[in-house]
Amino acid sequence: MKDEIKNAGESKREKFVRIAEARTNKIIDTVQLLGNLSNANAYEYSKKDIDQIFKAIEEAVAEAKGRFNKSDSKGPKRFSLNQ
């Protein structure tokens, strides 16, 4: 409730910047956590696993970017390493 009152006079641009910065930083933090899985002493993975992970991420980024370009959006996809 306090945040709603605090942000009541916020312009659309200010709101976009605030939320975009927070979400982008959250994504960067999560990508860095994903990179922690590269520790072969703690995890077992194949090149195919890595290719699938990054293909899914790249597709999600392309989808999100496309939404800003007013492209057709197919909705979110869920990722799984299961064959």
PDB file of N, CA and C in Angstrom:
ATOM      1  N   MET A   1       0.824  -1.192   0.000  1.00  0.00           N
ATOM      2  CA  MET A   1       0.000   0.000   0.000  1.00  0.00           C
ATOM      3  C   MET A   1       0.871   1.260   0.000  1.00  0.00           C
ATOM      4  N   LYS A   2       1.930   1.262   0.807  1.00  0.00           N
ATOM      5  CA  LYS A   2       2.807   2.431   0.856  1.00  0.00           C
ATOM      6  C   LYS A   2       3.472   2.669  -0.492  1.00  0.00           C
ATOM      7  N   ASP A   3       3.880   1.572  -1.181  1.00  0.00           N
ATOM      8  CA  ASP A   3       4.510   1.710  -2.489  1.00  0.00           C
ATOM      9  C   ASP A   3       3.554   2.314  -3.505  1.00  0.00           C
ATOM     10  N   GLU A   4       2.271   1.942  -3.421  1.00  0.00           N
ATOM     11  CA  GLU A   4       1.282   2.488  -4.338  1.00  0.00           C
ATOM     12  C   GLU A   4       1.161   3.997  -4.145  1.00  0.00           C
ATOM     13  N   ILE A   5       1.144   4.431  -2.897  1.00  0.00           N
ATOM     14  CA  ILE A   5       1.046   5.859  -2.598  1.00  0.00           C
ATOM     15  C   ILE A   5       2.332   6.561  -3.025  1.00  0.00           C
ATOM     16  N   LYS A   6       3.458   5.956  -2.735  1.00  0.00           N
ATOM     17  CA  LYS A   6       4.759   6.527  -3.063  1.00  0.00           C
ATOM     18  C   LYS A   6       4.924   6.685  -4.576  1.00  0.00           C
ATOM     19  N   ASN A   7       4.404   5.732  -5.354  1.00  0.00           N
ATOM     20  CA  ASN A   7       4.570   5.747  -6.803  1.00  0.00           C
ATOM     21  C   ASN A   7       3.377   6.366  -7.536  1.00  0.00           C
ATOM     22  N   ALA A   8       2.430   6.947  -6.809  1.00  0.00           N
ATOM     23  CA  ALA A   8       1.212   7.479  -7.409  1.00  0.00           C
ATOM     24  C   ALA A   8       1.504   8.587  -8.420  1.00  0.00           C
ATOM     25  N   GLY A   9       2.485   9.431  -8.166  1.00  0.00           N
ATOM     26  CA  GLY A   9       2.809  10.526  -9.069  1.00  0.00           C
ATOM     27  C   GLY A   9       3.830  10.151 -10.118  1.00  0.00           C
ATOM     28  N   GLU A  10       4.146   8.904 -10.203  1.00  0.00           N
ATOM     29  CA  GLU A  10       5.174   8.408 -11.109  1.00  0.00           C
ATOM     30  C   GLU A  10       4.668   8.422 -12.561  1.00  0.00           C
ATOM     31  N   SER A  11       5.498   8.908 -13.472  1.00  0.00           N
ATOM     32  CA  SER A  11       5.122   8.907 -14.884  1.00  0.00           C
ATOM     33  C   SER A  11       5.264   7.490 -15.440  1.00  0.00           C
ATOM     34  N   LYS A  12       4.703   7.273 -16.620  1.00  0.00           N
ATOM     35  CA  LYS A  12       4.829   5.966 -17.269  1.00  0.00           C
ATOM     36  C   LYS A  12       6.310   5.641 -17.525  1.00  0.00           C
ATOM     37  N   ARG A  13       7.069   6.634 -17.906  1.00  0.00           N
ATOM     38  CA  ARG A  13       8.507   6.449 -18.159  1.00  0.00           C
ATOM     39  C   ARG A  13       9.232   6.067 -16.875  1.00  0.00           C
ATOM     40  N   GLU A  14       8.957   6.787 -15.795  1.00  0.00           N
ATOM     41  CA  GLU A  14       9.598   6.501 -14.507  1.00  0.00           C
ATOM     42  C   GLU A  14       9.245   5.093 -14.029  1.00  0.00           C
ATOM     43  N   LYS A  15       7.988   4.722 -14.206  1.00  0.00           N
ATOM     44  CA  LYS A  15       7.551   3.376 -13.818  1.00  0.00           C
ATOM     45  C   LYS A  15       8.269   2.318 -14.646  1.00  0.00           C
ATOM     46  N   PHE A  16       8.369   2.553 -15.966  1.00  0.00           N
ATOM     47  CA  PHE A  16       9.071   1.619 -16.840  1.00  0.00           C
ATOM     48  C   PHE A  16      10.525   1.455 -16.407  1.00  0.00           C
ATOM     49  N   VAL A  17      11.214   2.566 -16.189  1.00  0.00           N
ATOM     50  CA  VAL A  17      12.629   2.521 -15.802  1.00  0.00           C
ATOM     51  C   VAL A  17      12.798   1.761 -14.487  1.00  0.00           C
ATOM     52  N   ARG A  18      11.969   2.068 -13.509  1.00  0.00           N
ATOM     53  CA  ARG A  18      12.068   1.408 -12.195  1.00  0.00           C
ATOM     54  C   ARG A  18      11.882  -0.104 -12.318  1.00  0.00           C
ATOM     55  N   ILE A  19      10.827  -0.503 -13.016  1.00  0.00           N
ATOM     56  CA  ILE A  19      10.534  -1.935 -13.125  1.00  0.00           C
ATOM     57  C   ILE A  19      11.531  -2.630 -14.049  1.00  0.00           C
ATOM     58  N   ALA A  20      11.890  -1.998 -15.168  1.00  0.00           N
ATOM     59  CA  ALA A  20      12.842  -2.599 -16.112  1.00  0.00           C
ATOM     60  C   ALA A  20      14.200  -2.832 -15.455  1.00  0.00           C
ATOM     61  N   GLU A  21      14.666  -1.860 -14.682  1.00  0.00           N
ATOM     62  CA  GLU A  21      15.953  -2.027 -14.000  1.00  0.00           C
ATOM     63  C   GLU A  21      15.899  -3.179 -13.008  1.00  0.00           C
ATOM     64  N   ALA A  22      14.830  -3.258 -12.225  1.00  0.00           N
ATOM     65  CA  ALA A  22      14.713  -4.328 -11.228  1.00  0.00           C
ATOM     66  C   ALA A  22      14.632  -5.696 -11.895  1.00  0.00           C
ATOM     67  N   ARG A  23      13.818  -5.817 -12.925  1.00  0.00           N
ATOM     68  CA  ARG A  23      13.665  -7.112 -13.603  1.00  0.00           C
ATOM     69  C   ARG A  23      14.932  -7.511 -14.347  1.00  0.00           C
ATOM     70  N   THR A  24      15.588  -6.546 -14.995  1.00  0.00           N
ATOM     71  CA  THR A  24      16.824  -6.850 -15.715  1.00  0.00           C
ATOM     72  C   THR A  24      17.908  -7.310 -14.748  1.00  0.00           C
ATOM     73  N   ASN A  25      18.044  -6.633 -13.628  1.00  0.00           N
ATOM     74  CA  ASN A  25      19.038  -7.039 -12.630  1.00  0.00           C
ATOM     75  C   ASN A  25      18.729  -8.420 -12.062  1.00  0.00           C
ATOM     76  N   LYS A  26      17.452  -8.726 -11.887  1.00  0.00           N
ATOM     77  CA  LYS A  26      17.057 -10.048 -11.404  1.00  0.00           C
ATOM     78  C   LYS A  26      17.442 -11.130 -12.419  1.00  0.00           C
ATOM     79  N   ILE A  27      17.228 -10.845 -13.697  1.00  0.00           N
ATOM     80  CA  ILE A  27      17.598 -11.789 -14.752  1.00  0.00           C
ATOM     81  C   ILE A  27      19.110 -11.983 -14.781  1.00  0.00           C
ATOM     82  N   ILE A  28      19.859 -10.906 -14.675  1.00  0.00           N
ATOM     83  CA  ILE A  28      21.329 -11.007 -14.677  1.00  0.00           C
ATOM     84  C   ILE A  28      21.801 -11.849 -13.500  1.00  0.00           C
ATOM     85  N   ASP A  29      21.235 -11.618 -12.330  1.00  0.00           N
ATOM     86  CA  ASP A  29      21.597 -12.421 -11.154  1.00  0.00           C
ATOM     87  C   ASP A  29      21.294 -13.894 -11.384  1.00  0.00           C
ATOM     88  N   THR A  30      20.158 -14.195 -11.978  1.00  0.00           N
ATOM     89  CA  THR A  30      19.763 -15.575 -12.224  1.00  0.00           C
ATOM     90  C   THR A  30      20.672 -16.235 -13.262  1.00  0.00           C
ATOM     91  N   VAL A  31      21.054 -15.494 -14.292  1.00  0.00           N
ATOM     92  CA  VAL A  31      21.981 -16.031 -15.299  1.00  0.00           C
ATOM     93  C   VAL A  31      23.326 -16.347 -14.645  1.00  0.00           C
ATOM     94  N   GLN A  32      23.768 -15.481 -13.753  1.00  0.00           N
ATOM     95  CA  GLN A  32      25.019 -15.747 -13.041  1.00  0.00           C
ATOM     96  C   GLN A  32      24.892 -17.007 -12.187  1.00  0.00           C
ATOM     97  N   LEU A  33      23.750 -17.210 -11.563  1.00  0.00           N
ATOM     98  CA  LEU A  33      23.525 -18.440 -10.799  1.00  0.00           C
ATOM     99  C   LEU A  33      23.543 -19.659 -11.709  1.00  0.00           C
ATOM    100  N   LEU A  34      22.969 -19.529 -12.887  1.00  0.00           N
ATOM    101  CA  LEU A  34      23.006 -20.623 -13.858  1.00  0.00           C
ATOM    102  C   LEU A  34      24.452 -20.971 -14.206  1.00  0.00           C
ATOM    103  N   GLY A  35      25.278 -19.956 -14.341  1.00  0.00           N
ATOM    104  CA  GLY A  35      26.697 -20.181 -14.638  1.00  0.00           C
ATOM    105  C   GLY A  35      27.402 -20.976 -13.559  1.00  0.00           C
ATOM    106  N   ASN A  36      26.907 -20.905 -12.323  1.00  0.00           N
ATOM    107  CA  ASN A  36      27.498 -21.693 -11.243  1.00  0.00           C
ATOM    108  C   ASN A  36      27.370 -23.193 -11.487  1.00  0.00           C
ATOM    109  N   LEU A  37      26.426 -23.593 -12.325  1.00  0.00           N
ATOM    110  CA  LEU A  37      26.259 -25.018 -12.644  1.00  0.00           C
ATOM    111  C   LEU A  37      27.399 -25.560 -13.504  1.00  0.00           C
ATOM    112  N   SER A  38      28.275 -24.703 -13.967  1.00  0.00           N
ATOM    113  CA  SER A  38      29.395 -25.147 -14.803  1.00  0.00           C
ATOM    114  C   SER A  38      30.475 -25.872 -14.003  1.00  0.00           C
ATOM    115  N   ASN A  39      30.351 -25.899 -12.683  1.00  0.00           N
ATOM    116  CA  ASN A  39      31.320 -26.586 -11.826  1.00  0.00           C
ATOM    117  C   ASN A  39      31.196 -28.095 -12.022  1.00  0.00           C
ATOM    118  N   ALA A  40      32.081 -28.660 -12.847  1.00  0.00           N
ATOM    119  CA  ALA A  40      32.029 -30.092 -13.173  1.00  0.00           C
ATOM    120  C   ALA A  40      32.347 -30.975 -11.965  1.00  0.00           C
ATOM    121  N   ASN A  41      32.940 -30.407 -10.921  1.00  0.00           N
ATOM    122  CA  ASN A  41      33.192 -31.185  -9.704  1.00  0.00           C
ATOM    123  C   ASN A  41      31.909 -31.425  -8.915  1.00  0.00           C
ATOM    124  N   ALA A  42      30.918 -30.577  -9.116  1.00  0.00           N
ATOM    125  CA  ALA A  42      29.669 -30.678  -8.365  1.00  0.00           C
ATOM    126  C   ALA A  42      28.501 -31.191  -9.209  1.00  0.00           C
ATOM    127  N   TYR A  43      28.605 -31.043 -10.543  1.00  0.00           N
ATOM    128  CA  TYR A  43      27.493 -31.387 -11.412  1.00  0.00           C
ATOM    129  C   TYR A  43      27.973 -32.188 -12.615  1.00  0.00           C
ATOM    130  N   GLU A  44      27.064 -32.987 -13.148  1.00  0.00           N
ATOM    131  CA  GLU A  44      27.354 -33.745 -14.367  1.00  0.00           C
ATOM    132  C   GLU A  44      26.383 -33.272 -15.448  1.00  0.00           C
ATOM    133  N   TYR A  45      26.927 -32.900 -16.585  1.00  0.00           N
ATOM    134  CA  TYR A  45      26.100 -32.401 -17.682  1.00  0.00           C
ATOM    135  C   TYR A  45      26.806 -32.677 -18.993  1.00  0.00           C
ATOM    136  N   SER A  46      26.026 -32.652 -20.061  1.00  0.00           N
ATOM    137  CA  SER A  46      26.580 -32.878 -21.395  1.00  0.00           C
ATOM    138  C   SER A  46      26.519 -31.585 -22.203  1.00  0.00           C
ATOM    139  N   LYS A  47      27.216 -31.573 -23.325  1.00  0.00           N
ATOM    140  CA  LYS A  47      27.152 -30.431 -24.233  1.00  0.00           C
ATOM    141  C   LYS A  47      25.719 -30.260 -24.734  1.00  0.00           C
ATOM    142  N   LYS A  48      25.031 -31.375 -24.939  1.00  0.00           N
ATOM    143  CA  LYS A  48      23.636 -31.316 -25.382  1.00  0.00           C
ATOM    144  C   LYS A  48      22.767 -30.602 -24.347  1.00  0.00           C
ATOM    145  N   ASP A  49      22.987 -30.895 -23.065  1.00  0.00           N
ATOM    146  CA  ASP A  49      22.246 -30.221 -21.993  1.00  0.00           C
ATOM    147  C   ASP A  49      22.459 -28.710 -22.073  1.00  0.00           C
ATOM    148  N   ILE A  50      23.712 -28.318 -22.197  1.00  0.00           N
ATOM    149  CA  ILE A  50      24.063 -26.894 -22.230  1.00  0.00           C
ATOM    150  C   ILE A  50      23.453 -26.227 -23.456  1.00  0.00           C
ATOM    151  N   ASP A  51      23.542 -26.905 -24.604  1.00  0.00           N
ATOM    152  CA  ASP A  51      22.949 -26.359 -25.832  1.00  0.00           C
ATOM    153  C   ASP A  51      21.439 -26.162 -25.675  1.00  0.00           C
ATOM    154  N   GLN A  52      20.763 -27.131 -25.039  1.00  0.00           N
ATOM    155  CA  GLN A  52      19.319 -27.027 -24.829  1.00  0.00           C
ATOM    156  C   GLN A  52      18.982 -25.858 -23.894  1.00  0.00           C
ATOM    157  N   ILE A  53      19.746 -25.726 -22.838  1.00  0.00           N
ATOM    158  CA  ILE A  53      19.508 -24.637 -21.876  1.00  0.00           C
ATOM    159  C   ILE A  53      19.624 -23.284 -22.564  1.00  0.00           C
ATOM    160  N   PHE A  54      20.738 -23.081 -23.269  1.00  0.00           N
ATOM    161  CA  PHE A  54      20.957 -21.766 -23.866  1.00  0.00           C
ATOM    162  C   PHE A  54      20.064 -21.512 -25.069  1.00  0.00           C
ATOM    163  N   LYS A  55      19.654 -22.556 -25.767  1.00  0.00           N
ATOM    164  CA  LYS A  55      18.681 -22.379 -26.848  1.00  0.00           C
ATOM    165  C   LYS A  55      17.353 -21.892 -26.267  1.00  0.00           C
ATOM    166  N   ALA A  56      16.924 -22.499 -25.162  1.00  0.00           N
ATOM    167  CA  ALA A  56      15.669 -22.088 -24.525  1.00  0.00           C
ATOM    168  C   ALA A  56      15.747 -20.636 -24.046  1.00  0.00           C
ATOM    169  N   ILE A  57      16.878 -20.255 -23.470  1.00  0.00           N
ATOM    170  CA  ILE A  57      17.056 -18.880 -23.000  1.00  0.00           C
ATOM    171  C   ILE A  57      17.047 -17.911 -24.179  1.00  0.00           C
ATOM    172  N   GLU A  58      17.774 -18.247 -25.234  1.00  0.00           N
ATOM    173  CA  GLU A  58      17.832 -17.381 -26.412  1.00  0.00           C
ATOM    174  C   GLU A  58      16.456 -17.220 -27.048  1.00  0.00           C
ATOM    175  N   GLU A  59      15.660 -18.299 -27.090  1.00  0.00           N
ATOM    176  CA  GLU A  59      14.307 -18.211 -27.634  1.00  0.00           C
ATOM    177  C   GLU A  59      13.422 -17.315 -26.763  1.00  0.00           C
ATOM    178  N   ALA A  60      13.561 -17.433 -25.454  1.00  0.00           N
ATOM    179  CA  ALA A  60      12.766 -16.601 -24.545  1.00  0.00           C
ATOM    180  C   ALA A  60      13.143 -15.128 -24.693  1.00  0.00           C
ATOM    181  N   VAL A  61      14.432 -14.844 -24.844  1.00  0.00           N
ATOM    182  CA  VAL A  61      14.885 -13.465 -25.038  1.00  0.00           C
ATOM    183  C   VAL A  61      14.357 -12.919 -26.371  1.00  0.00           C
ATOM    184  N   ALA A  62      14.430 -13.727 -27.420  1.00  0.00           N
ATOM    185  CA  ALA A  62      13.922 -13.297 -28.733  1.00  0.00           C
ATOM    186  C   ALA A  62      12.422 -13.031 -28.669  1.00  0.00           C
ATOM    187  N   GLU A  63      11.697 -13.878 -27.949  1.00  0.00           N
ATOM    188  CA  GLU A  63      10.249 -13.697 -27.788  1.00  0.00           C
ATOM    189  C   GLU A  63       9.945 -12.382 -27.057  1.00  0.00           C
ATOM    190  N   ALA A  64      10.662 -12.141 -25.963  1.00  0.00           N
ATOM    191  CA  ALA A  64      10.441 -10.907 -25.195  1.00  0.00           C
ATOM    192  C   ALA A  64      10.791  -9.685 -26.035  1.00  0.00           C
ATOM    193  N   LYS A  65      11.901  -9.755 -26.746  1.00  0.00           N
ATOM    194  CA  LYS A  65      12.311  -8.631 -27.596  1.00  0.00           C
ATOM    195  C   LYS A  65      11.280  -8.390 -28.686  1.00  0.00           C
ATOM    196  N   GLY A  66      10.757  -9.466 -29.250  1.00  0.00           N
ATOM    197  CA  GLY A  66       9.746  -9.349 -30.287  1.00  0.00           C
ATOM    198  C   GLY A  66       8.497  -8.639 -29.806  1.00  0.00           C
ATOM    199  N   ARG A  67       8.156  -8.834 -28.550  1.00  0.00           N
ATOM    200  CA  ARG A  67       6.976  -8.162 -27.996  1.00  0.00           C
ATOM    201  C   ARG A  67       7.159  -6.651 -27.983  1.00  0.00           C
ATOM    202  N   PHE A  68       8.387  -6.191 -27.836  1.00  0.00           N
ATOM    203  CA  PHE A  68       8.655  -4.754 -27.882  1.00  0.00           C
ATOM    204  C   PHE A  68       8.575  -4.234 -29.317  1.00  0.00           C
ATOM    205  N   ASN A  69       8.821  -5.121 -30.266  1.00  0.00           N
ATOM    206  CA  ASN A  69       8.740  -4.758 -31.685  1.00  0.00           C
ATOM    207  C   ASN A  69       7.355  -5.012 -32.251  1.00  0.00           C
ATOM    208  N   LYS A  70       6.399  -5.281 -31.394  1.00  0.00           N
ATOM    209  CA  LYS A  70       5.010  -5.536 -31.773  1.00  0.00           C
ATOM    210  C   LYS A  70       4.878  -6.771 -32.664  1.00  0.00           C
ATOM    211  N   SER A  71       5.828  -7.703 -32.551  1.00  0.00           N
ATOM    212  CA  SER A  71       5.762  -8.951 -33.302  1.00  0.00           C
ATOM    213  C   SER A  71       4.731  -9.866 -32.672  1.00  0.00           C
ATOM    214  N   ASP A  72       4.391 -10.909 -33.392  1.00  0.00           N
ATOM    215  CA  ASP A  72       3.470 -11.903 -32.835  1.00  0.00           C
ATOM    216  C   ASP A  72       4.105 -12.557 -31.634  1.00  0.00           C
ATOM    217  N   SER A  73       3.332 -12.706 -30.584  1.00  0.00           N
ATOM    218  CA  SER A  73       3.806 -13.348 -29.362  1.00  0.00           C
ATOM    219  C   SER A  73       3.084 -14.675 -29.208  1.00  0.00           C
ATOM    220  N   LYS A  74       3.859 -15.747 -29.023  1.00  0.00           N
ATOM    221  CA  LYS A  74       3.283 -17.073 -28.879  1.00  0.00           C
ATOM    222  C   LYS A  74       3.091 -17.456 -27.425  1.00  0.00           C
ATOM    223  N   GLY A  75       3.484 -16.597 -26.512  1.00  0.00           N
ATOM    224  CA  GLY A  75       3.346 -16.891 -25.093  1.00  0.00           C
ATOM    225  C   GLY A  75       4.582 -17.581 -24.550  1.00  0.00           C
ATOM    226  N   PRO A  76       4.654 -17.667 -23.226  1.00  0.00           N
ATOM    227  CA  PRO A  76       5.840 -18.252 -22.599  1.00  0.00           C
ATOM    228  C   PRO A  76       5.944 -19.749 -22.849  1.00  0.00           C
ATOM    229  N   LYS A  77       7.178 -20.222 -22.941  1.00  0.00           N
ATOM    230  CA  LYS A  77       7.441 -21.642 -23.088  1.00  0.00           C
ATOM    231  C   LYS A  77       8.117 -22.128 -21.816  1.00  0.00           C
ATOM    232  N   ARG A  78       7.852 -23.346 -21.428  1.00  0.00           N
ATOM    233  CA  ARG A  78       8.485 -23.936 -20.257  1.00  0.00           C
ATOM    234  C   ARG A  78       9.656 -24.767 -20.724  1.00  0.00           C
ATOM    235  N   PHE A  79      10.712 -24.775 -19.943  1.00  0.00           N
ATOM    236  CA  PHE A  79      11.935 -25.486 -20.284  1.00  0.00           C
ATOM    237  C   PHE A  79      12.031 -26.794 -19.514  1.00  0.00           C
ATOM    238  N   SER A  80      12.531 -27.837 -20.172  1.00  0.00           N
ATOM    239  CA  SER A  80      12.784 -29.129 -19.547  1.00  0.00           C
ATOM    240  C   SER A  80      13.923 -29.814 -20.273  1.00  0.00           C
ATOM    241  N   LEU A  81      14.806 -30.452 -19.516  1.00  0.00           N
ATOM    242  CA  LEU A  81      15.887 -31.235 -20.130  1.00  0.00           C
ATOM    243  C   LEU A  81      15.424 -32.650 -20.464  1.00  0.00           C
ATOM    244  N   ASN A  82      14.224 -32.999 -20.078  1.00  0.00           N
ATOM    245  CA  ASN A  82      13.701 -34.344 -20.374  1.00  0.00           C
ATOM    246  C   ASN A  82      13.540 -34.510 -21.870  1.00  0.00           C
ATOM    247  N   GLN A  83      14.004 -35.655 -22.378  1.00  0.00           N
ATOM    248  CA  GLN A  83      13.935 -35.913 -23.823  1.00  0.00           C
ATOM    249  C   GLN A  83      12.542 -36.309 -24.206  1.00  0.00           C
TER     250      GLN A  83
END
